[in-house]
Amino acid sequence: MAASAAVLGISTAVYAMTVQPVVIDLTTSGRGMSQVITVENTFDKPLPVELRIEALDLTADGVKPTGRDTGELAVFPPQALIQPGQRQNFRVQYVGDPALARSKHFFITVAQLPVQTTDTQSNIQLLYNFQVLVSVSPDGAKPALTIASAEIGKDAEGGPAPVITVSNASAAHGYLSRGRVKVTQFAPDGRQVFSKQFTGPELQQTIGYGLIGGGQTRRMTLPVRLPQPDGRIEAQFTPEG
């Protein structure tokens, strides 16, 4: 998840923070119901922050914020003032229906709050917002990601690139980046002309975590230029472990 920043007319003070982790997986019962988000103030002034929750809808392209807090997650404390160089732990817990039909997803936004200041040199304050993806899966369910189809498509610049359709037959969400994807291209005469294996870290750095919801199918373009625009490709996904 990328950090966003908003400029408001208050002061020149610029605050900085780090947030870990940025992806959280919870379950509906037991020890997996909760996890800690750690926020560190890396600047030289006190950092006021607030944690805000909103539910997400999954789409074929990723996630879509709804702007609604459904009350299924709880965060304690919801606000804090973090001193310079210090860390604050925030506990996130699932408090919704323990009998989920399939995974649910949320953003927790760690938002820097504006502060009043006596600084009269300027009226600009840079505020940072970090989004943490929180997903809750049904107890005992494991993701079942498979590549349903692969074809030659186009990348952002119009060049030939592999396009895969990933399906998840489970009620639990999964991540394409928690595995390896191997792509092989064959020319029209059957000759192999290209082969590449993407590791989990490579996928995460190029296309993101690759969240696939429970029962969801997503279409993704892999970040590689194929040597030719014709022929066919094959793709295989191997989960980690």
C-alpha atoms as a PDB file:
ATOM      1  CA  MET A   1       0.000   0.000   0.000  1.00  0.00           C
ATOM      2  CA  ALA A   2       1.399   3.500  -0.945  1.00  0.00           C
ATOM      3  CA  ALA A   3       1.406   6.447   1.425  1.00  0.00           C
ATOM      4  CA  SER A   4      -0.632   9.495   0.504  1.00  0.00           C
ATOM      5  CA  ALA A   5      -0.039  13.075   1.610  1.00  0.00           C
ATOM      6  CA  ALA A   6      -2.422  16.026   1.816  1.00  0.00           C
ATOM      7  CA  VAL A   7      -1.361  19.671   2.019  1.00  0.00           C
ATOM      8  CA  LEU A   8      -3.378  21.847   4.398  1.00  0.00           C
ATOM      9  CA  GLY A   9      -2.925  25.519   5.259  1.00  0.00           C
ATOM     10  CA  ILE A  10      -1.558  25.419   8.814  1.00  0.00           C
ATOM     11  CA  SER A  11       2.234  25.556   9.217  1.00  0.00           C
ATOM     12  CA  THR A  12       5.634  24.628   7.772  1.00  0.00           C
ATOM     13  CA  ALA A  13       6.180  21.736  10.195  1.00  0.00           C
ATOM     14  CA  VAL A  14       6.670  18.456   8.314  1.00  0.00           C
ATOM     15  CA  TYR A  15       6.203  15.215  10.234  1.00  0.00           C
ATOM     16  CA  ALA A  16       7.381  11.777   9.230  1.00  0.00           C
ATOM     17  CA  MET A  17       6.393   8.287  10.366  1.00  0.00           C
ATOM     18  CA  THR A  18       6.878   4.637   9.534  1.00  0.00           C
ATOM     19  CA  VAL A  19       4.077   2.084   9.730  1.00  0.00           C
ATOM     20  CA  GLN A  20       4.503  -1.697  10.044  1.00  0.00           C
ATOM     21  CA  PRO A  21       3.084  -3.983   8.818  1.00  0.00           C
ATOM     22  CA  VAL A  22       1.197  -2.711   5.765  1.00  0.00           C
ATOM     23  CA  VAL A  23      -0.651  -5.996   5.142  1.00  0.00           C
ATOM     24  CA  ILE A  24      -2.432  -7.876   7.948  1.00  0.00           C
ATOM     25  CA  ASP A  25      -4.225 -11.223   7.820  1.00  0.00           C
ATOM     26  CA  LEU A  26      -6.713 -12.029  10.573  1.00  0.00           C
ATOM     27  CA  THR A  27      -9.028 -14.941  11.341  1.00  0.00           C
ATOM     28  CA  THR A  28     -12.468 -14.942  12.938  1.00  0.00           C
ATOM     29  CA  SER A  29     -11.489 -16.610  16.229  1.00  0.00           C
ATOM     30  CA  GLY A  30      -8.570 -17.494  18.457  1.00  0.00           C
ATOM     31  CA  ARG A  31      -5.185 -15.802  18.534  1.00  0.00           C
ATOM     32  CA  GLY A  32      -5.457 -14.857  14.875  1.00  0.00           C
ATOM     33  CA  MET A  33      -8.293 -12.406  15.596  1.00  0.00           C
ATOM     34  CA  SER A  34      -5.900  -9.573  16.462  1.00  0.00           C
ATOM     35  CA  GLN A  35      -2.568  -8.101  15.459  1.00  0.00           C
ATOM     36  CA  VAL A  36      -0.509  -5.013  16.262  1.00  0.00           C
ATOM     37  CA  ILE A  37       0.256  -2.055  13.989  1.00  0.00           C
ATOM     38  CA  THR A  38       3.401  -0.189  15.047  1.00  0.00           C
ATOM     39  CA  VAL A  39       3.793   3.498  14.188  1.00  0.00           C
ATOM     40  CA  GLU A  40       7.169   5.186  14.714  1.00  0.00           C
ATOM     41  CA  ASN A  41       7.693   8.932  14.825  1.00  0.00           C
ATOM     42  CA  THR A  42      10.926   9.537  12.915  1.00  0.00           C
ATOM     43  CA  PHE A  43      10.802  13.331  13.065  1.00  0.00           C
ATOM     44  CA  ASP A  44      11.814  15.740  15.820  1.00  0.00           C
ATOM     45  CA  LYS A  45       8.354  16.909  16.894  1.00  0.00           C
ATOM     46  CA  PRO A  46       5.417  15.121  18.583  1.00  0.00           C
ATOM     47  CA  LEU A  47       3.257  13.247  16.075  1.00  0.00           C
ATOM     48  CA  PRO A  48      -0.546  13.133  16.563  1.00  0.00           C
ATOM     49  CA  VAL A  49      -2.160  10.246  14.646  1.00  0.00           C
ATOM     50  CA  GLU A  50      -5.623   8.749  14.249  1.00  0.00           C
ATOM     51  CA  LEU A  51      -6.542   5.321  12.862  1.00  0.00           C
ATOM     52  CA  ARG A  52      -9.615   5.197  10.615  1.00  0.00           C
ATOM     53  CA  ILE A  53     -11.333   2.055   9.318  1.00  0.00           C
ATOM     54  CA  GLU A  54     -13.230   1.554   6.067  1.00  0.00           C
ATOM     55  CA  ALA A  55     -14.518  -1.574   4.368  1.00  0.00           C
ATOM     56  CA  LEU A  56     -13.372  -2.508   0.873  1.00  0.00           C
ATOM     57  CA  ASP A  57     -15.103  -3.995  -2.141  1.00  0.00           C
ATOM     58  CA  LEU A  58     -13.065  -6.263  -4.405  1.00  0.00           C
ATOM     59  CA  THR A  59     -13.098  -5.591  -8.144  1.00  0.00           C
ATOM     60  CA  ALA A  60     -11.447  -7.210 -11.142  1.00  0.00           C
ATOM     61  CA  ASP A  61      -8.732  -4.539 -10.893  1.00  0.00           C
ATOM     62  CA  GLY A  62      -8.070  -4.703  -7.143  1.00  0.00           C
ATOM     63  CA  VAL A  63      -9.808  -3.090  -4.177  1.00  0.00           C
ATOM     64  CA  LYS A  64     -12.292  -0.226  -3.980  1.00  0.00           C
ATOM     65  CA  PRO A  65     -12.758   1.766  -0.740  1.00  0.00           C
ATOM     66  CA  THR A  66     -16.388   2.121   0.326  1.00  0.00           C
ATOM     67  CA  GLY A  67     -15.923   4.976   2.799  1.00  0.00           C
ATOM     68  CA  ARG A  68     -17.923   2.980   5.387  1.00  0.00           C
ATOM     69  CA  ASP A  69     -16.834   1.633   8.751  1.00  0.00           C
ATOM     70  CA  THR A  70     -18.968  -1.486   9.202  1.00  0.00           C
ATOM     71  CA  GLY A  71     -17.950  -1.965  12.842  1.00  0.00           C
ATOM     72  CA  GLU A  72     -16.315  -5.330  12.159  1.00  0.00           C
ATOM     73  CA  LEU A  73     -12.846  -4.149  13.172  1.00  0.00           C
ATOM     74  CA  ALA A  74     -11.800  -2.428  16.381  1.00  0.00           C
ATOM     75  CA  VAL A  75      -8.595  -0.447  16.965  1.00  0.00           C
ATOM     76  CA  PHE A  76      -7.166   0.491  20.358  1.00  0.00           C
ATOM     77  CA  PRO A  77      -6.195   3.206  20.972  1.00  0.00           C
ATOM     78  CA  PRO A  78      -7.904   5.031  18.084  1.00  0.00           C
ATOM     79  CA  GLN A  79      -5.665   8.073  18.571  1.00  0.00           C
ATOM     80  CA  ALA A  80      -2.250   8.769  20.073  1.00  0.00           C
ATOM     81  CA  LEU A  81       0.409  11.452  20.402  1.00  0.00           C
ATOM     82  CA  ILE A  82       3.769   9.865  19.640  1.00  0.00           C
ATOM     83  CA  GLN A  83       6.870  11.605  20.946  1.00  0.00           C
ATOM     84  CA  PRO A  84       9.949  12.094  18.733  1.00  0.00           C
ATOM     85  CA  GLY A  85      11.854   8.856  18.173  1.00  0.00           C
ATOM     86  CA  GLN A  86       9.193   6.796  19.954  1.00  0.00           C
ATOM     87  CA  ARG A  87       6.856   4.035  18.806  1.00  0.00           C
ATOM     88  CA  GLN A  88       3.185   3.397  19.518  1.00  0.00           C
ATOM     89  CA  ASN A  89       1.444   0.035  19.172  1.00  0.00           C
ATOM     90  CA  PHE A  90      -2.176  -0.080  18.014  1.00  0.00           C
ATOM     91  CA  ARG A  91      -4.071  -3.344  18.425  1.00  0.00           C
ATOM     92  CA  VAL A  92      -6.403  -4.312  15.570  1.00  0.00           C
ATOM     93  CA  GLN A  93      -9.062  -6.951  16.325  1.00  0.00           C
ATOM     94  CA  TYR A  94     -11.834  -8.560  14.331  1.00  0.00           C
ATOM     95  CA  VAL A  95     -15.140  -8.245  16.210  1.00  0.00           C
ATOM     96  CA  GLY A  96     -17.567  -9.191  13.443  1.00  0.00           C
ATOM     97  CA  ASP A  97     -19.498 -12.335  12.565  1.00  0.00           C
ATOM     98  CA  PRO A  98     -17.409 -15.440  13.404  1.00  0.00           C
ATOM     99  CA  ALA A  99     -19.156 -17.411  10.636  1.00  0.00           C
ATOM    100  CA  LEU A 100     -17.851 -15.621   7.549  1.00  0.00           C
ATOM    101  CA  ALA A 101     -18.905 -17.044   4.189  1.00  0.00           C
ATOM    102  CA  ARG A 102     -15.715 -15.681   2.603  1.00  0.00           C
ATOM    103  CA  SER A 103     -12.900 -13.254   3.376  1.00  0.00           C
ATOM    104  CA  LYS A 104     -13.593  -9.591   4.100  1.00  0.00           C
ATOM    105  CA  HIS A 105     -11.193  -6.711   3.503  1.00  0.00           C
ATOM    106  CA  PHE A 106     -10.553  -3.297   5.039  1.00  0.00           C
ATOM    107  CA  PHE A 107      -8.243  -0.299   4.922  1.00  0.00           C
ATOM    108  CA  ILE A 108      -6.956   1.107   8.184  1.00  0.00           C
ATOM    109  CA  THR A 109      -5.669   4.600   7.443  1.00  0.00           C
ATOM    110  CA  VAL A 110      -2.993   5.853   9.824  1.00  0.00           C
ATOM    111  CA  ALA A 111      -3.612   9.586   9.481  1.00  0.00           C
ATOM    112  CA  GLN A 112      -1.411  12.359  10.811  1.00  0.00           C
ATOM    113  CA  LEU A 113      -3.599  14.996  12.456  1.00  0.00           C
ATOM    114  CA  PRO A 114      -3.069  18.721  11.956  1.00  0.00           C
ATOM    115  CA  VAL A 115      -1.764  20.697  14.943  1.00  0.00           C
ATOM    116  CA  GLN A 116      -1.905  24.348  15.867  1.00  0.00           C
ATOM    117  CA  THR A 117       1.420  26.155  15.767  1.00  0.00           C
ATOM    118  CA  THR A 118       2.904  29.551  16.500  1.00  0.00           C
ATOM    119  CA  ASP A 119       5.080  29.357  13.393  1.00  0.00           C
ATOM    120  CA  THR A 120       4.285  32.472  11.333  1.00  0.00           C
ATOM    121  CA  GLN A 121       6.746  31.957   8.483  1.00  0.00           C
ATOM    122  CA  SER A 122       4.331  29.940   6.348  1.00  0.00           C
ATOM    123  CA  ASN A 123       0.888  28.381   6.501  1.00  0.00           C
ATOM    124  CA  ILE A 124       1.643  25.017   4.859  1.00  0.00           C
ATOM    125  CA  GLN A 125       1.679  21.716   6.731  1.00  0.00           C
ATOM    126  CA  LEU A 126       2.309  18.380   5.020  1.00  0.00           C
ATOM    127  CA  LEU A 127       0.180  15.592   6.475  1.00  0.00           C
ATOM    128  CA  TYR A 128       0.899  11.910   5.854  1.00  0.00           C
ATOM    129  CA  ASN A 129      -1.643   9.112   5.513  1.00  0.00           C
ATOM    130  CA  PHE A 130      -0.566   5.456   5.367  1.00  0.00           C
ATOM    131  CA  GLN A 131      -3.019   2.721   4.416  1.00  0.00           C
ATOM    132  CA  VAL A 132      -2.807  -0.752   5.937  1.00  0.00           C
ATOM    133  CA  LEU A 133      -4.660  -3.568   4.167  1.00  0.00           C
ATOM    134  CA  VAL A 134      -6.469  -5.828   6.653  1.00  0.00           C
ATOM    135  CA  SER A 135      -8.070  -9.067   5.446  1.00  0.00           C
ATOM    136  CA  VAL A 136     -10.117 -11.479   7.552  1.00  0.00           C
ATOM    137  CA  SER A 137     -10.539 -15.081   6.420  1.00  0.00           C
ATOM    138  CA  PRO A 138     -12.907 -17.802   7.685  1.00  0.00           C
ATOM    139  CA  ASP A 139     -11.377 -20.089  10.291  1.00  0.00           C
ATOM    140  CA  GLY A 140      -9.526 -23.047   8.843  1.00  0.00           C
ATOM    141  CA  ALA A 141      -9.853 -21.946   5.208  1.00  0.00           C
ATOM    142  CA  LYS A 142      -6.771 -21.760   2.985  1.00  0.00           C
ATOM    143  CA  PRO A 143      -6.461 -19.993  -0.382  1.00  0.00           C
ATOM    144  CA  ALA A 144      -6.540 -22.081  -3.568  1.00  0.00           C
ATOM    145  CA  LEU A 145      -5.042 -19.927  -6.311  1.00  0.00           C
ATOM    146  CA  THR A 146      -4.728 -21.290  -9.838  1.00  0.00           C
ATOM    147  CA  ILE A 147      -4.032 -19.708 -13.206  1.00  0.00           C
ATOM    148  CA  ALA A 148      -7.198 -20.334 -15.196  1.00  0.00           C
ATOM    149  CA  SER A 149      -5.855 -18.964 -18.487  1.00  0.00           C
ATOM    150  CA  ALA A 150      -2.929 -17.108 -20.041  1.00  0.00           C
ATOM    151  CA  GLU A 151      -2.711 -15.082 -23.228  1.00  0.00           C
ATOM    152  CA  ILE A 152      -0.564 -12.544 -25.031  1.00  0.00           C
ATOM    153  CA  GLY A 153      -1.768  -9.034 -24.318  1.00  0.00           C
ATOM    154  CA  LYS A 154      -0.184  -5.591 -24.224  1.00  0.00           C
ATOM    155  CA  ASP A 155       1.737  -3.719 -21.567  1.00  0.00           C
ATOM    156  CA  ALA A 156       1.301  -0.014 -20.770  1.00  0.00           C
ATOM    157  CA  GLU A 157       3.474   0.930 -23.760  1.00  0.00           C
ATOM    158  CA  GLY A 158       1.646  -1.328 -26.199  1.00  0.00           C
ATOM    159  CA  GLY A 159       4.267  -4.065 -26.349  1.00  0.00           C
ATOM    160  CA  PRO A 160       3.463  -7.792 -26.073  1.00  0.00           C
ATOM    161  CA  ALA A 161       3.129  -8.963 -22.471  1.00  0.00           C
ATOM    162  CA  PRO A 162       1.687 -12.015 -20.699  1.00  0.00           C
ATOM    163  CA  VAL A 163      -1.817 -11.579 -19.293  1.00  0.00           C
ATOM    164  CA  ILE A 164      -3.000 -14.155 -16.780  1.00  0.00           C
ATOM    165  CA  THR A 165      -6.398 -14.850 -15.240  1.00  0.00           C
ATOM    166  CA  VAL A 166      -6.069 -16.019 -11.642  1.00  0.00           C
ATOM    167  CA  SER A 167      -8.915 -17.819  -9.874  1.00  0.00           C
ATOM    168  CA  ASN A 168      -9.371 -18.577  -6.184  1.00  0.00           C
ATOM    169  CA  ALA A 169     -11.710 -21.496  -5.509  1.00  0.00           C
ATOM    170  CA  SER A 170     -11.468 -21.078  -1.724  1.00  0.00           C
ATOM    171  CA  ALA A 171     -13.473 -18.893   0.664  1.00  0.00           C
ATOM    172  CA  ALA A 172     -10.158 -17.539   1.984  1.00  0.00           C
ATOM    173  CA  HIS A 173      -8.224 -14.777   0.223  1.00  0.00           C
ATOM    174  CA  GLY A 174      -4.722 -15.311  -1.130  1.00  0.00           C
ATOM    175  CA  TYR A 175      -1.843 -13.337  -2.631  1.00  0.00           C
ATOM    176  CA  LEU A 176      -0.137 -13.972  -5.954  1.00  0.00           C
ATOM    177  CA  SER A 177       3.085 -12.595  -4.426  1.00  0.00           C
ATOM    178  CA  ARG A 178       3.120 -15.469  -1.932  1.00  0.00           C
ATOM    179  CA  GLY A 179       4.260 -17.883  -4.574  1.00  0.00           C
ATOM    180  CA  ARG A 180       6.053 -18.123  -7.915  1.00  0.00           C
ATOM    181  CA  VAL A 181       4.714 -17.643 -11.431  1.00  0.00           C
ATOM    182  CA  LYS A 182       6.441 -19.252 -14.415  1.00  0.00           C
ATOM    183  CA  VAL A 183       5.631 -17.977 -17.907  1.00  0.00           C
ATOM    184  CA  THR A 184       6.649 -19.731 -21.137  1.00  0.00           C
ATOM    185  CA  GLN A 185       6.026 -18.468 -24.668  1.00  0.00           C
ATOM    186  CA  PHE A 186       5.871 -20.654 -27.765  1.00  0.00           C
ATOM    187  CA  ALA A 187       6.102 -19.445 -31.359  1.00  0.00           C
ATOM    188  CA  PRO A 188       3.342 -20.393 -33.854  1.00  0.00           C
ATOM    189  CA  ASP A 189       5.503 -23.318 -35.013  1.00  0.00           C
ATOM    190  CA  GLY A 190       5.732 -24.671 -31.446  1.00  0.00           C
ATOM    191  CA  ARG A 191       9.277 -23.532 -30.652  1.00  0.00           C
ATOM    192  CA  GLN A 192       9.873 -22.208 -27.137  1.00  0.00           C
ATOM    193  CA  VAL A 193      11.033 -18.594 -27.470  1.00  0.00           C
ATOM    194  CA  PHE A 194      10.809 -17.297 -23.915  1.00  0.00           C
ATOM    195  CA  SER A 195      10.660 -18.525 -20.318  1.00  0.00           C
ATOM    196  CA  LYS A 196      10.784 -16.627 -17.050  1.00  0.00           C
ATOM    197  CA  GLN A 197       9.971 -17.382 -13.426  1.00  0.00           C
ATOM    198  CA  PHE A 198       8.802 -14.543 -11.183  1.00  0.00           C
ATOM    199  CA  THR A 199       9.569 -14.919  -7.481  1.00  0.00           C
ATOM    200  CA  GLY A 200       7.215 -13.618  -4.805  1.00  0.00           C
ATOM    201  CA  PRO A 201       9.389 -10.559  -4.025  1.00  0.00           C
ATOM    202  CA  GLU A 202       9.624  -9.718  -7.751  1.00  0.00           C
ATOM    203  CA  LEU A 203       5.847  -9.849  -8.092  1.00  0.00           C
ATOM    204  CA  GLN A 204       5.351  -7.724  -4.984  1.00  0.00           C
ATOM    205  CA  GLN A 205       7.710  -5.024  -6.219  1.00  0.00           C
ATOM    206  CA  THR A 206       6.188  -4.838  -9.697  1.00  0.00           C
ATOM    207  CA  ILE A 207       2.457  -5.593  -9.449  1.00  0.00           C
ATOM    208  CA  GLY A 208       1.909  -5.376  -5.684  1.00  0.00           C
ATOM    209  CA  TYR A 209       0.705  -8.127  -3.360  1.00  0.00           C
ATOM    210  CA  GLY A 210      -1.770  -9.455  -5.920  1.00  0.00           C
ATOM    211  CA  LEU A 211      -4.724  -9.920  -3.562  1.00  0.00           C
ATOM    212  CA  ILE A 212      -7.263 -12.469  -4.804  1.00  0.00           C
ATOM    213  CA  GLY A 213     -10.409 -12.583  -2.697  1.00  0.00           C
ATOM    214  CA  GLY A 214     -12.347 -15.675  -1.724  1.00  0.00           C
ATOM    215  CA  GLY A 215     -14.154 -16.972  -4.816  1.00  0.00           C
ATOM    216  CA  GLN A 216     -12.689 -14.160  -6.907  1.00  0.00           C
ATOM    217  CA  THR A 217     -11.124 -14.147 -10.381  1.00  0.00           C
ATOM    218  CA  ARG A 218      -8.647 -11.428 -11.383  1.00  0.00           C
ATOM    219  CA  ARG A 219      -6.932 -10.603 -14.643  1.00  0.00           C
ATOM    220  CA  MET A 220      -3.341  -9.330 -14.382  1.00  0.00           C
ATOM    221  CA  THR A 221      -0.650  -8.202 -16.800  1.00  0.00           C
ATOM    222  CA  LEU A 222       2.786  -9.453 -15.777  1.00  0.00           C
ATOM    223  CA  PRO A 223       5.692  -6.983 -15.922  1.00  0.00           C
ATOM    224  CA  VAL A 224       7.762  -8.428 -18.749  1.00  0.00           C
ATOM    225  CA  ARG A 225       8.057  -7.701 -22.486  1.00  0.00           C
ATOM    226  CA  LEU A 226       7.643 -10.813 -24.618  1.00  0.00           C
ATOM    227  CA  PRO A 227       9.976 -11.280 -27.605  1.00  0.00           C
ATOM    228  CA  GLN A 228       7.132 -11.511 -30.144  1.00  0.00           C
ATOM    229  CA  PRO A 229       3.405 -10.710 -30.299  1.00  0.00           C
ATOM    230  CA  ASP A 230       2.207 -14.020 -31.734  1.00  0.00           C
ATOM    231  CA  GLY A 231       2.167 -17.638 -30.660  1.00  0.00           C
ATOM    232  CA  ARG A 232       0.868 -18.766 -27.276  1.00  0.00           C
ATOM    233  CA  ILE A 233       1.931 -18.706 -23.652  1.00  0.00           C
ATOM    234  CA  GLU A 234       1.589 -21.025 -20.701  1.00  0.00           C
ATOM    235  CA  ALA A 235       1.654 -19.933 -17.057  1.00  0.00           C
ATOM    236  CA  GLN A 236       1.939 -21.862 -13.801  1.00  0.00           C
ATOM    237  CA  PHE A 237       1.539 -20.714 -10.198  1.00  0.00           C
ATOM    238  CA  THR A 238       3.338 -22.459  -7.348  1.00  0.00           C
ATOM    239  CA  PRO A 239       2.419 -21.351  -3.809  1.00  0.00           C
ATOM    240  CA  GLU A 240       5.242 -20.816  -1.349  1.00  0.00           C
ATOM    241  CA  GLY A 241       6.042 -23.704   0.934  1.00  0.00           C
END
